Amino acid sequence: MNRKNRTILATTIAVFVVIGSGVGAFQAWKKTQADAAKEVAAAKMAAQLATDHAELAKTERELAIAEAKLAVERAARIEAQLNAKAVQETAITVLRDSADHGYMELDYEGKVLVWNASLTRLTGYSEAEMLGHTLEKVMAPEDYIPHSQSYPEWIKAEDSKITTLRLECRLIDKAGKKHKVIVTARKVPASMLGEQPRAIGLIDQPRHTLDLTQEQS
């Protein structure tokens, strides 16, 4: 091989060495860039996860605070309702034990829950005899029929504006004697404690009572 060819060969080899070194350097740079991009992406993901975690913790704290407030408000409502119920029951006890008025309570189905001593004196039926019975047992049929038809609708109507009723009717005692009475009934709505609505009634006789035993209508 002459000098010229050796020179060309050497130059070619040198060129390939330079090109090879450049390709290797480029590939190394490219790998470095890819690794850096991965690290940046991982850092961004970690930052996003930290942000999401912080937001979630904030939301959980806000929910816990809201739930605590609701619990406090509900407890306050229940306490107020219990206090109101206690006052109401005290007033009811006074009425129930009154010697001047008949007093009764009817449940959701119109059955007797309470029947005071004044009504026992008027009708001859004790509370034990009346508990669990409807007023059919002591009310004149001509008065009981419309009562039995209207009572269920009245007691079950949650949006009814009519909570107090006043009516005249006749009660029949054990001896068969009819007594004209005035009934003032009030609906006690169901409470949030789960009780069903019921009715309380005050029973008074007109100032001039009449023996209606012989009355036929």
N, C-alpha and C. Protein backbone atom coordinates (compact mmCIF):
# COMPACT_ATOMS: atom_id res chain seq x y z
N MET A 1 0.87 -1.17 0.00
CA MET A 1 0.00 0.00 0.00
C MET A 1 0.91 1.22 0.00
N ASN A 2 0.61 2.13 -0.94
CA ASN A 2 1.45 3.32 -1.04
C ASN A 2 1.06 4.33 0.01
N ARG A 3 1.84 5.36 0.07
CA ARG A 3 1.64 6.39 1.10
C ARG A 3 0.29 7.05 0.95
N LYS A 4 -0.15 7.28 -0.25
CA LYS A 4 -1.43 7.98 -0.47
C LYS A 4 -2.59 7.18 0.08
N ASN A 5 -2.57 5.89 -0.18
CA ASN A 5 -3.66 5.04 0.29
C ASN A 5 -3.68 4.93 1.81
N ARG A 6 -2.41 4.87 2.36
CA ARG A 6 -2.35 4.79 3.82
C ARG A 6 -2.90 6.06 4.45
N THR A 7 -2.63 7.18 3.80
CA THR A 7 -3.14 8.47 4.32
C THR A 7 -4.67 8.51 4.28
N ILE A 8 -5.22 8.04 3.15
CA ILE A 8 -6.69 8.02 3.00
C ILE A 8 -7.31 7.09 4.04
N LEU A 9 -6.67 5.94 4.25
CA LEU A 9 -7.20 4.98 5.23
C LEU A 9 -7.17 5.56 6.64
N ALA A 10 -6.04 6.20 6.94
CA ALA A 10 -5.91 6.80 8.28
C ALA A 10 -6.95 7.89 8.49
N THR A 11 -7.13 8.69 7.44
CA THR A 11 -8.12 9.78 7.54
C THR A 11 -9.53 9.22 7.73
N THR A 12 -9.82 8.16 6.99
CA THR A 12 -11.16 7.53 7.09
C THR A 12 -11.38 6.97 8.48
N ILE A 13 -10.36 6.29 9.00
CA ILE A 13 -10.47 5.72 10.35
C ILE A 13 -10.68 6.82 11.37
N ALA A 14 -9.94 7.92 11.21
CA ALA A 14 -10.06 9.05 12.14
C ALA A 14 -11.46 9.63 12.11
N VAL A 15 -11.99 9.72 10.87
CA VAL A 15 -13.36 10.25 10.73
C VAL A 15 -14.36 9.35 11.44
N PHE A 16 -14.19 8.01 11.23
CA PHE A 16 -15.13 7.08 11.89
C PHE A 16 -15.01 7.14 13.41
N VAL A 17 -13.79 7.32 13.87
CA VAL A 17 -13.60 7.43 15.33
C VAL A 17 -14.30 8.66 15.87
N VAL A 18 -14.14 9.75 15.14
CA VAL A 18 -14.79 11.01 15.58
C VAL A 18 -16.30 10.86 15.55
N ILE A 19 -16.81 10.24 14.42
CA ILE A 19 -18.27 10.05 14.32
C ILE A 19 -18.76 9.14 15.43
N GLY A 20 -18.00 8.04 15.65
CA GLY A 20 -18.40 7.12 16.71
C GLY A 20 -18.42 7.78 18.07
N SER A 21 -17.42 8.60 18.33
CA SER A 21 -17.38 9.32 19.62
C SER A 21 -18.56 10.27 19.73
N GLY A 22 -18.93 10.95 18.61
CA GLY A 22 -20.06 11.88 18.63
C GLY A 22 -21.37 11.16 18.87
N VAL A 23 -21.53 10.00 18.20
CA VAL A 23 -22.77 9.23 18.39
C VAL A 23 -22.88 8.76 19.84
N GLY A 24 -21.75 8.28 20.38
CA GLY A 24 -21.78 7.83 21.78
C GLY A 24 -22.11 8.96 22.73
N ALA A 25 -21.52 10.12 22.44
CA ALA A 25 -21.80 11.29 23.30
C ALA A 25 -23.25 11.71 23.20
N PHE A 26 -23.78 11.66 21.95
CA PHE A 26 -25.20 12.04 21.76
C PHE A 26 -26.14 11.07 22.48
N GLN A 27 -25.81 9.77 22.35
CA GLN A 27 -26.64 8.78 23.05
C GLN A 27 -26.57 8.95 24.56
N ALA A 28 -25.37 9.25 25.05
CA ALA A 28 -25.23 9.49 26.49
C ALA A 28 -26.02 10.72 26.91
N TRP A 29 -25.96 11.78 26.10
CA TRP A 29 -26.72 13.02 26.41
C TRP A 29 -28.22 12.75 26.37
N LYS A 30 -28.60 11.96 25.32
CA LYS A 30 -30.03 11.63 25.19
C LYS A 30 -30.52 10.83 26.39
N LYS A 31 -29.70 9.88 26.88
CA LYS A 31 -30.06 9.09 28.06
C LYS A 31 -30.15 9.98 29.30
N THR A 32 -29.22 10.91 29.39
CA THR A 32 -29.24 11.85 30.53
C THR A 32 -30.49 12.69 30.51
N GLN A 33 -30.88 13.16 29.32
CA GLN A 33 -32.10 13.96 29.20
C GLN A 33 -33.34 13.15 29.56
N ALA A 34 -33.35 11.87 29.11
CA ALA A 34 -34.50 11.01 29.41
C ALA A 34 -34.59 10.75 30.91
N ASP A 35 -33.44 10.49 31.53
CA ASP A 35 -33.43 10.27 32.99
C ASP A 35 -33.89 11.52 33.72
N ALA A 36 -33.44 12.68 33.23
CA ALA A 36 -33.84 13.94 33.87
C ALA A 36 -35.34 14.16 33.73
N ALA A 37 -35.87 13.83 32.53
CA ALA A 37 -37.31 13.98 32.31
C ALA A 37 -38.10 13.07 33.24
N LYS A 38 -37.60 11.83 33.42
CA LYS A 38 -38.26 10.91 34.34
C LYS A 38 -38.25 11.44 35.76
N GLU A 39 -37.13 11.99 36.16
CA GLU A 39 -37.02 12.55 37.51
C GLU A 39 -37.96 13.73 37.69
N VAL A 40 -38.06 14.57 36.65
CA VAL A 40 -38.97 15.72 36.72
C VAL A 40 -40.42 15.25 36.81
N ALA A 41 -40.76 14.24 35.99
CA ALA A 41 -42.12 13.70 36.01
C ALA A 41 -42.44 13.08 37.38
N ALA A 42 -41.46 12.35 37.92
CA ALA A 42 -41.65 11.74 39.25
C ALA A 42 -41.83 12.81 40.31
N ALA A 43 -41.05 13.88 40.20
CA ALA A 43 -41.16 14.98 41.17
C ALA A 43 -42.51 15.66 41.07
N LYS A 44 -42.97 15.86 39.81
CA LYS A 44 -44.30 16.48 39.62
C LYS A 44 -45.40 15.59 40.18
N MET A 45 -45.27 14.28 39.95
CA MET A 45 -46.28 13.35 40.46
C MET A 45 -46.29 13.36 41.99
N ALA A 46 -45.11 13.37 42.59
CA ALA A 46 -45.01 13.42 44.05
C ALA A 46 -45.63 14.70 44.59
N ALA A 47 -45.36 15.82 43.89
CA ALA A 47 -45.93 17.10 44.31
C ALA A 47 -47.46 17.09 44.19
N GLN A 48 -47.97 16.48 43.10
CA GLN A 48 -49.43 16.41 42.91
C GLN A 48 -50.08 15.53 43.96
N LEU A 49 -49.42 14.40 44.27
CA LEU A 49 -49.93 13.52 45.31
C LEU A 49 -49.97 14.23 46.66
N ALA A 50 -48.92 14.99 46.95
CA ALA A 50 -48.88 15.74 48.21
C ALA A 50 -49.99 16.78 48.25
N THR A 51 -50.21 17.44 47.10
CA THR A 51 -51.29 18.44 47.02
C THR A 51 -52.66 17.78 47.21
N ASP A 52 -52.86 16.64 46.52
CA ASP A 52 -54.14 15.91 46.65
C ASP A 52 -54.36 15.46 48.09
N HIS A 53 -53.29 14.98 48.70
CA HIS A 53 -53.40 14.52 50.10
C HIS A 53 -53.78 15.68 51.01
N ALA A 54 -53.14 16.83 50.77
CA ALA A 54 -53.45 18.00 51.60
C ALA A 54 -54.90 18.45 51.40
N GLU A 55 -55.35 18.44 50.12
CA GLU A 55 -56.74 18.82 49.84
C GLU A 55 -57.72 17.83 50.47
N LEU A 56 -57.39 16.54 50.40
CA LEU A 56 -58.24 15.52 51.00
C LEU A 56 -58.31 15.70 52.51
N ALA A 57 -57.16 15.95 53.13
CA ALA A 57 -57.14 16.18 54.57
C ALA A 57 -57.96 17.41 54.94
N LYS A 58 -57.86 18.45 54.12
CA LYS A 58 -58.63 19.67 54.36
C LYS A 58 -60.13 19.39 54.25
N THR A 59 -60.50 18.63 53.19
CA THR A 59 -61.91 18.28 53.01
C THR A 59 -62.42 17.44 54.17
N GLU A 60 -61.61 16.49 54.61
CA GLU A 60 -62.01 15.64 55.74
C GLU A 60 -62.18 16.46 57.01
N ARG A 61 -61.30 17.43 57.23
CA ARG A 61 -61.43 18.30 58.40
C ARG A 61 -62.71 19.13 58.31
N GLU A 62 -62.98 19.65 57.11
CA GLU A 62 -64.19 20.46 56.92
C GLU A 62 -65.44 19.62 57.15
N LEU A 63 -65.42 18.37 56.63
CA LEU A 63 -66.56 17.48 56.83
C LEU A 63 -66.73 17.14 58.30
N ALA A 64 -65.62 16.89 58.98
CA ALA A 64 -65.69 16.58 60.41
C ALA A 64 -66.26 17.75 61.20
N ILE A 65 -65.83 18.96 60.83
CA ILE A 65 -66.35 20.16 61.51
C ILE A 65 -67.84 20.32 61.25
N ALA A 66 -68.24 20.11 59.97
CA ALA A 66 -69.66 20.23 59.61
C ALA A 66 -70.50 19.19 60.35
N GLU A 67 -69.99 17.95 60.41
CA GLU A 67 -70.72 16.90 61.12
C GLU A 67 -70.83 17.21 62.61
N ALA A 68 -69.77 17.76 63.17
CA ALA A 68 -69.80 18.13 64.59
C ALA A 68 -70.84 19.23 64.84
N LYS A 69 -70.89 20.20 63.93
CA LYS A 69 -71.88 21.28 64.07
C LYS A 69 -73.30 20.72 63.98
N LEU A 70 -73.51 19.80 63.00
CA LEU A 70 -74.84 19.20 62.86
C LEU A 70 -75.22 18.41 64.11
N ALA A 71 -74.25 17.69 64.66
CA ALA A 71 -74.51 16.91 65.87
C ALA A 71 -74.89 17.82 67.03
N VAL A 72 -74.18 18.95 67.15
CA VAL A 72 -74.49 19.90 68.23
C VAL A 72 -75.88 20.49 68.03
N GLU A 73 -76.20 20.87 66.78
CA GLU A 73 -77.52 21.44 66.50
C GLU A 73 -78.63 20.43 66.77
N ARG A 74 -78.40 19.17 66.35
CA ARG A 74 -79.41 18.14 66.59
C ARG A 74 -79.60 17.89 68.08
N ALA A 75 -78.49 17.86 68.82
CA ALA A 75 -78.58 17.68 70.27
C ALA A 75 -79.36 18.82 70.92
N ALA A 76 -79.13 20.04 70.41
CA ALA A 76 -79.85 21.20 70.96
C ALA A 76 -81.34 21.10 70.66
N ARG A 77 -81.67 20.63 69.42
CA ARG A 77 -83.09 20.49 69.07
C ARG A 77 -83.75 19.43 69.94
N ILE A 78 -83.04 18.30 70.12
CA ILE A 78 -83.61 17.24 70.94
C ILE A 78 -83.80 17.71 72.38
N GLU A 79 -82.80 18.45 72.90
CA GLU A 79 -82.91 18.94 74.27
C GLU A 79 -84.10 19.89 74.41
N ALA A 80 -84.24 20.80 73.41
CA ALA A 80 -85.36 21.73 73.44
C ALA A 80 -86.68 20.99 73.36
N GLN A 81 -86.71 19.96 72.52
CA GLN A 81 -87.94 19.19 72.37
C GLN A 81 -88.27 18.43 73.65
N LEU A 82 -87.23 17.87 74.27
CA LEU A 82 -87.45 17.15 75.53
C LEU A 82 -87.95 18.10 76.61
N ASN A 83 -87.38 19.31 76.64
CA ASN A 83 -87.83 20.29 77.63
C ASN A 83 -89.29 20.67 77.37
N ALA A 84 -89.60 20.91 76.07
CA ALA A 84 -90.99 21.25 75.72
C ALA A 84 -91.92 20.10 76.06
N LYS A 85 -91.44 18.87 75.79
CA LYS A 85 -92.25 17.70 76.08
C LYS A 85 -92.49 17.57 77.58
N ALA A 86 -91.44 17.87 78.37
CA ALA A 86 -91.59 17.78 79.83
C ALA A 86 -92.62 18.79 80.33
N VAL A 87 -92.56 20.02 79.77
CA VAL A 87 -93.54 21.05 80.16
C VAL A 87 -94.93 20.61 79.76
N GLN A 88 -95.04 20.07 78.53
CA GLN A 88 -96.35 19.62 78.04
C GLN A 88 -96.90 18.49 78.90
N GLU A 89 -96.02 17.54 79.25
CA GLU A 89 -96.48 16.41 80.05
C GLU A 89 -96.89 16.85 81.45
N THR A 90 -96.21 17.87 81.97
CA THR A 90 -96.61 18.40 83.28
C THR A 90 -98.01 19.00 83.20
N ALA A 91 -98.24 19.79 82.13
CA ALA A 91 -99.56 20.39 81.95
C ALA A 91 -100.63 19.32 81.76
N ILE A 92 -100.27 18.28 81.00
CA ILE A 92 -101.22 17.19 80.77
C ILE A 92 -101.54 16.46 82.07
N THR A 93 -100.50 16.27 82.90
CA THR A 93 -100.72 15.60 84.19
C THR A 93 -101.69 16.39 85.05
N VAL A 94 -101.54 17.72 85.04
CA VAL A 94 -102.45 18.57 85.81
C VAL A 94 -103.88 18.41 85.30
N LEU A 95 -104.04 18.42 83.97
CA LEU A 95 -105.37 18.26 83.39
C LEU A 95 -105.93 16.86 83.68
N ARG A 96 -105.09 15.87 83.56
CA ARG A 96 -105.54 14.49 83.75
C ARG A 96 -106.05 14.27 85.18
N ASP A 97 -105.35 14.86 86.13
CA ASP A 97 -105.71 14.66 87.53
C ASP A 97 -106.78 15.64 88.01
N SER A 98 -107.24 16.50 87.11
CA SER A 98 -108.25 17.48 87.51
C SER A 98 -109.57 16.79 87.84
N ALA A 99 -110.20 17.25 88.89
CA ALA A 99 -111.51 16.71 89.28
C ALA A 99 -112.64 17.41 88.54
N ASP A 100 -112.31 18.52 87.87
CA ASP A 100 -113.35 19.33 87.23
C ASP A 100 -113.59 18.96 85.78
N HIS A 101 -112.66 18.27 85.18
CA HIS A 101 -112.78 17.96 83.76
C HIS A 101 -112.54 16.47 83.51
N GLY A 102 -113.29 15.95 82.54
CA GLY A 102 -112.95 14.63 82.05
C GLY A 102 -111.73 14.77 81.16
N TYR A 103 -110.87 13.79 81.16
CA TYR A 103 -109.66 13.86 80.35
C TYR A 103 -109.38 12.48 79.77
N MET A 104 -109.09 12.46 78.47
CA MET A 104 -108.73 11.19 77.84
C MET A 104 -107.67 11.43 76.78
N GLU A 105 -106.97 10.37 76.46
CA GLU A 105 -106.02 10.39 75.35
C GLU A 105 -106.34 9.21 74.44
N LEU A 106 -106.29 9.48 73.16
CA LEU A 106 -106.52 8.44 72.15
C LEU A 106 -105.26 8.26 71.31
N ASP A 107 -104.98 7.03 70.96
CA ASP A 107 -103.79 6.78 70.14
C ASP A 107 -104.09 6.99 68.67
N TYR A 108 -103.13 6.58 67.84
CA TYR A 108 -103.19 6.76 66.40
C TYR A 108 -104.42 6.09 65.79
N GLU A 109 -104.90 5.03 66.42
CA GLU A 109 -106.04 4.28 65.89
C GLU A 109 -107.35 4.63 66.60
N GLY A 110 -107.31 5.62 67.50
CA GLY A 110 -108.52 6.01 68.20
C GLY A 110 -108.82 5.18 69.43
N LYS A 111 -107.83 4.44 69.92
CA LYS A 111 -108.02 3.63 71.12
C LYS A 111 -107.57 4.40 72.36
N VAL A 112 -108.24 4.14 73.47
CA VAL A 112 -108.00 4.90 74.70
C VAL A 112 -106.64 4.55 75.30
N LEU A 113 -105.88 5.62 75.60
CA LEU A 113 -104.61 5.48 76.30
C LEU A 113 -104.73 5.93 77.75
N VAL A 114 -105.54 6.97 77.96
CA VAL A 114 -105.73 7.54 79.31
C VAL A 114 -107.21 7.84 79.49
N TRP A 115 -107.70 7.57 80.67
CA TRP A 115 -109.11 7.79 81.00
C TRP A 115 -109.15 8.18 82.48
N ASN A 116 -109.42 9.46 82.77
CA ASN A 116 -109.24 9.89 84.15
C ASN A 116 -110.44 9.58 85.05
N ALA A 117 -110.25 9.87 86.34
CA ALA A 117 -111.26 9.53 87.35
C ALA A 117 -112.57 10.27 87.11
N SER A 118 -112.50 11.49 86.58
CA SER A 118 -113.72 12.26 86.32
C SER A 118 -114.60 11.55 85.28
N LEU A 119 -113.98 10.97 84.26
CA LEU A 119 -114.74 10.22 83.27
C LEU A 119 -115.28 8.92 83.85
N THR A 120 -114.53 8.35 84.76
CA THR A 120 -115.02 7.14 85.42
C THR A 120 -116.28 7.45 86.22
N ARG A 121 -116.28 8.59 86.92
CA ARG A 121 -117.47 8.98 87.68
C ARG A 121 -118.65 9.25 86.76
N LEU A 122 -118.38 9.81 85.59
CA LEU A 122 -119.46 10.15 84.67
C LEU A 122 -120.05 8.91 84.00
N THR A 123 -119.19 7.99 83.57
CA THR A 123 -119.66 6.85 82.77
C THR A 123 -119.77 5.54 83.54
N GLY A 124 -119.05 5.46 84.65
CA GLY A 124 -119.03 4.20 85.39
C GLY A 124 -117.96 3.24 84.91
N TYR A 125 -117.27 3.59 83.82
CA TYR A 125 -116.20 2.74 83.29
C TYR A 125 -114.86 3.20 83.84
N SER A 126 -114.10 2.27 84.40
CA SER A 126 -112.78 2.60 84.93
C SER A 126 -111.78 2.71 83.79
N GLU A 127 -110.62 3.25 84.10
CA GLU A 127 -109.57 3.35 83.08
C GLU A 127 -109.17 1.96 82.60
N ALA A 128 -109.08 1.01 83.52
CA ALA A 128 -108.71 -0.35 83.13
C ALA A 128 -109.70 -0.95 82.14
N GLU A 129 -110.98 -0.60 82.29
CA GLU A 129 -112.00 -1.12 81.38
C GLU A 129 -111.95 -0.45 80.01
N MET A 130 -111.42 0.78 79.96
CA MET A 130 -111.43 1.53 78.71
C MET A 130 -110.13 1.41 77.92
N LEU A 131 -109.03 1.10 78.59
CA LEU A 131 -107.74 1.04 77.89
C LEU A 131 -107.78 0.06 76.72
N GLY A 132 -107.32 0.53 75.56
CA GLY A 132 -107.27 -0.30 74.37
C GLY A 132 -108.57 -0.38 73.61
N HIS A 133 -109.64 0.27 74.12
CA HIS A 133 -110.94 0.26 73.43
C HIS A 133 -111.17 1.61 72.74
N THR A 134 -111.98 1.58 71.70
CA THR A 134 -112.39 2.83 71.07
C THR A 134 -113.56 3.42 71.85
N LEU A 135 -113.97 4.61 71.43
CA LEU A 135 -115.07 5.28 72.12
C LEU A 135 -116.43 4.67 71.77
N GLU A 136 -116.45 3.70 70.90
CA GLU A 136 -117.71 3.03 70.56
C GLU A 136 -118.37 2.47 71.82
N LYS A 137 -117.54 2.13 72.79
CA LYS A 137 -118.05 1.52 74.02
C LYS A 137 -118.90 2.49 74.84
N VAL A 138 -118.62 3.79 74.74
CA VAL A 138 -119.32 4.76 75.60
C VAL A 138 -120.01 5.88 74.82
N MET A 139 -119.81 5.96 73.54
CA MET A 139 -120.38 7.08 72.78
C MET A 139 -121.65 6.63 72.06
N ALA A 140 -122.64 7.49 72.06
CA ALA A 140 -123.89 7.18 71.37
C ALA A 140 -123.60 6.87 69.90
N PRO A 141 -124.24 5.85 69.33
CA PRO A 141 -123.94 5.44 67.95
C PRO A 141 -124.04 6.58 66.95
N GLU A 142 -125.05 7.44 67.11
CA GLU A 142 -125.22 8.53 66.15
C GLU A 142 -124.08 9.54 66.21
N ASP A 143 -123.34 9.55 67.33
CA ASP A 143 -122.17 10.43 67.45
C ASP A 143 -120.88 9.69 67.10
N TYR A 144 -120.85 8.40 67.42
CA TYR A 144 -119.61 7.64 67.20
C TYR A 144 -119.33 7.42 65.72
N ILE A 145 -120.37 7.17 64.94
CA ILE A 145 -120.16 6.86 63.52
C ILE A 145 -119.41 7.99 62.79
N PRO A 146 -119.88 9.25 62.88
CA PRO A 146 -119.11 10.31 62.20
C PRO A 146 -117.71 10.50 62.81
N HIS A 147 -117.60 10.29 64.14
CA HIS A 147 -116.29 10.41 64.78
C HIS A 147 -115.33 9.36 64.22
N SER A 148 -115.78 8.12 64.11
CA SER A 148 -114.91 7.04 63.64
C SER A 148 -114.51 7.23 62.19
N GLN A 149 -115.32 7.96 61.43
CA GLN A 149 -115.00 8.20 60.03
C GLN A 149 -114.02 9.36 59.84
N SER A 150 -114.12 10.37 60.68
CA SER A 150 -113.28 11.56 60.51
C SER A 150 -111.96 11.50 61.28
N TYR A 151 -111.93 10.74 62.38
CA TYR A 151 -110.75 10.72 63.24
C TYR A 151 -109.48 10.24 62.52
N PRO A 152 -109.51 9.12 61.80
CA PRO A 152 -108.27 8.64 61.16
C PRO A 152 -107.66 9.66 60.21
N GLU A 153 -108.51 10.31 59.42
CA GLU A 153 -108.00 11.29 58.47
C GLU A 153 -107.40 12.48 59.20
N TRP A 154 -108.07 12.92 60.27
CA TRP A 154 -107.59 14.09 61.03
C TRP A 154 -106.26 13.79 61.73
N ILE A 155 -106.14 12.64 62.37
CA ILE A 155 -104.95 12.34 63.16
C ILE A 155 -103.74 12.04 62.28
N LYS A 156 -103.98 11.53 61.06
CA LYS A 156 -102.87 11.15 60.19
C LYS A 156 -102.39 12.28 59.30
N ALA A 157 -103.19 13.34 59.15
CA ALA A 157 -102.82 14.44 58.26
C ALA A 157 -101.67 15.24 58.88
N GLU A 158 -100.47 15.11 58.29
CA GLU A 158 -99.31 15.79 58.85
C GLU A 158 -99.35 17.29 58.61
N ASP A 159 -99.96 17.72 57.50
CA ASP A 159 -99.97 19.14 57.17
C ASP A 159 -101.29 19.82 57.54
N SER A 160 -102.09 19.12 58.37
CA SER A 160 -103.38 19.69 58.73
C SER A 160 -103.21 20.94 59.59
N LYS A 161 -103.92 22.00 59.23
CA LYS A 161 -103.87 23.23 60.02
C LYS A 161 -104.86 23.18 61.18
N ILE A 162 -105.76 22.20 61.12
CA ILE A 162 -106.76 22.07 62.18
C ILE A 162 -106.21 21.12 63.23
N THR A 163 -105.67 21.67 64.30
CA THR A 163 -105.11 20.83 65.36
C THR A 163 -106.04 20.72 66.56
N THR A 164 -107.06 21.59 66.62
CA THR A 164 -107.99 21.57 67.75
C THR A 164 -109.43 21.48 67.22
N LEU A 165 -110.20 20.59 67.82
CA LEU A 165 -111.61 20.42 67.45
C LEU A 165 -112.49 20.58 68.68
N ARG A 166 -113.67 21.07 68.47
CA ARG A 166 -114.66 21.21 69.55
C ARG A 166 -115.97 20.66 69.05
N LEU A 167 -116.53 19.73 69.79
CA LEU A 167 -117.78 19.12 69.33
C LEU A 167 -118.64 18.71 70.52
N GLU A 168 -119.92 18.57 70.24
CA GLU A 168 -120.87 18.09 71.24
C GLU A 168 -121.24 16.65 70.91
N CYS A 169 -121.32 15.83 71.92
CA CYS A 169 -121.73 14.44 71.70
C CYS A 169 -122.38 13.91 72.97
N ARG A 170 -122.78 12.67 72.94
CA ARG A 170 -123.42 12.05 74.10
C ARG A 170 -122.67 10.79 74.49
N LEU A 171 -122.35 10.71 75.79
CA LEU A 171 -121.73 9.52 76.33
C LEU A 171 -122.78 8.72 77.08
N ILE A 172 -122.67 7.40 76.98
CA ILE A 172 -123.64 6.52 77.63
C ILE A 172 -122.94 5.79 78.78
N ASP A 173 -123.51 5.94 79.99
CA ASP A 173 -122.89 5.28 81.13
C ASP A 173 -123.32 3.81 81.21
N LYS A 174 -122.82 3.11 82.21
CA LYS A 174 -123.11 1.69 82.34
C LYS A 174 -124.60 1.40 82.54
N ALA A 175 -125.30 2.38 83.13
CA ALA A 175 -126.73 2.19 83.38
C ALA A 175 -127.56 2.51 82.14
N GLY A 176 -126.91 2.94 81.06
CA GLY A 176 -127.64 3.26 79.84
C GLY A 176 -128.07 4.71 79.75
N LYS A 177 -127.68 5.52 80.71
CA LYS A 177 -128.07 6.93 80.70
C LYS A 177 -127.14 7.71 79.78
N LYS A 178 -127.74 8.61 78.98
CA LYS A 178 -126.96 9.44 78.07
C LYS A 178 -126.60 10.77 78.73
N HIS A 179 -125.38 11.20 78.54
CA HIS A 179 -124.93 12.47 79.11
C HIS A 179 -124.37 13.34 77.98
N LYS A 180 -124.96 14.50 77.80
CA LYS A 180 -124.46 15.42 76.79
C LYS A 180 -123.16 16.05 77.29
N VAL A 181 -122.14 16.02 76.45
CA VAL A 181 -120.85 16.59 76.84
C VAL A 181 -120.28 17.43 75.70
N ILE A 182 -119.34 18.29 76.06
CA ILE A 182 -118.60 19.08 75.08
C ILE A 182 -117.16 18.61 75.12
N VAL A 183 -116.67 18.16 73.98
CA VAL A 183 -115.31 17.64 73.89
C VAL A 183 -114.43 18.65 73.15
N THR A 184 -113.33 19.02 73.78
CA THR A 184 -112.33 19.85 73.13
C THR A 184 -111.10 18.96 72.90
N ALA A 185 -110.85 18.61 71.66
CA ALA A 185 -109.78 17.67 71.33
C ALA A 185 -108.63 18.41 70.65
N ARG A 186 -107.44 18.03 71.02
CA ARG A 186 -106.25 18.63 70.41
C ARG A 186 -105.31 17.52 69.94
N LYS A 187 -104.79 17.69 68.73
CA LYS A 187 -103.86 16.71 68.18
C LYS A 187 -102.44 17.01 68.64
N VAL A 188 -101.78 15.98 69.16
CA VAL A 188 -100.37 16.10 69.55
C VAL A 188 -99.57 15.43 68.44
N PRO A 189 -98.82 16.21 67.64
CA PRO A 189 -98.13 15.63 66.49
C PRO A 189 -97.00 14.69 66.90
N ALA A 190 -96.61 13.86 65.95
CA ALA A 190 -95.48 12.96 66.20
C ALA A 190 -94.22 13.78 66.36
N SER A 191 -93.35 13.34 67.24
CA SER A 191 -92.10 14.05 67.49
C SER A 191 -90.97 13.36 66.75
N MET A 192 -89.81 14.00 66.74
CA MET A 192 -88.66 13.41 66.08
C MET A 192 -88.10 12.23 66.86
N LEU A 193 -88.65 11.96 68.03
CA LEU A 193 -88.20 10.83 68.83
C LEU A 193 -88.89 9.55 68.39
N GLY A 194 -89.77 9.65 67.39
CA GLY A 194 -90.35 8.45 66.83
C GLY A 194 -91.74 8.11 67.32
N GLU A 195 -92.34 8.95 68.15
CA GLU A 195 -93.68 8.67 68.65
C GLU A 195 -94.72 8.93 67.56
N GLN A 196 -95.82 8.21 67.63
CA GLN A 196 -96.92 8.46 66.70
C GLN A 196 -97.80 9.57 67.26
N PRO A 197 -98.51 10.28 66.38
CA PRO A 197 -99.41 11.32 66.87
C PRO A 197 -100.53 10.72 67.72
N ARG A 198 -101.06 11.53 68.62
CA ARG A 198 -102.18 11.09 69.45
C ARG A 198 -103.07 12.30 69.69
N ALA A 199 -104.22 12.06 70.28
CA ALA A 199 -105.15 13.15 70.57
C ALA A 199 -105.42 13.18 72.07
N ILE A 200 -105.52 14.40 72.60
CA ILE A 200 -105.93 14.56 73.99
C ILE A 200 -107.27 15.29 73.98
N GLY A 201 -108.12 14.94 74.91
CA GLY A 201 -109.46 15.54 74.92
C GLY A 201 -109.90 15.93 76.32
N LEU A 202 -110.44 17.14 76.43
CA LEU A 202 -111.07 17.61 77.66
C LEU A 202 -112.57 17.47 77.49
N ILE A 203 -113.22 16.88 78.47
CA ILE A 203 -114.66 16.64 78.39
C ILE A 203 -115.36 17.40 79.50
N ASP A 204 -116.27 18.28 79.12
CA ASP A 204 -117.05 19.07 80.07
C ASP A 204 -118.52 18.83 79.82
N GLN A 205 -119.30 18.91 80.88
CA GLN A 205 -120.75 18.86 80.72
C GLN A 205 -121.29 20.28 80.71
N PRO A 206 -122.31 20.53 79.91
CA PRO A 206 -122.95 21.85 79.94
C PRO A 206 -123.41 22.18 81.36
N ARG A 207 -123.53 23.47 81.62
CA ARG A 207 -123.91 23.91 82.97
C ARG A 207 -125.20 23.25 83.43
N HIS A 208 -126.17 23.16 82.53
CA HIS A 208 -127.45 22.52 82.88
C HIS A 208 -127.50 21.17 82.20
N THR A 209 -127.16 20.13 82.91
CA THR A 209 -127.15 18.78 82.32
C THR A 209 -128.54 18.19 82.34
N LEU A 210 -128.81 17.40 81.34
CA LEU A 210 -130.11 16.78 81.21
C LEU A 210 -129.94 15.27 81.15
N ASP A 211 -130.90 14.58 81.68
CA ASP A 211 -130.96 13.12 81.55
C ASP A 211 -131.54 12.82 80.17
N LEU A 212 -130.73 12.32 79.27
CA LEU A 212 -131.16 12.09 77.89
C LEU A 212 -131.50 10.62 77.64
N THR A 213 -131.69 9.89 78.72
CA THR A 213 -131.92 8.45 78.57
C THR A 213 -133.09 8.15 77.67
N GLN A 214 -134.15 8.94 77.82
CA GLN A 214 -135.38 8.66 77.07
C GLN A 214 -135.39 9.34 75.69
N GLU A 215 -134.31 10.09 75.42
CA GLU A 215 -134.30 10.83 74.15
C GLU A 215 -134.16 9.86 72.99
N GLN A 216 -134.97 9.97 72.08
CA GLN A 216 -134.91 9.12 70.89
C GLN A 216 -134.78 10.02 69.69
N SER A 217 -133.78 9.78 68.88
CA SER A 217 -133.58 10.64 67.71
C SER A 217 -133.32 9.79 66.48
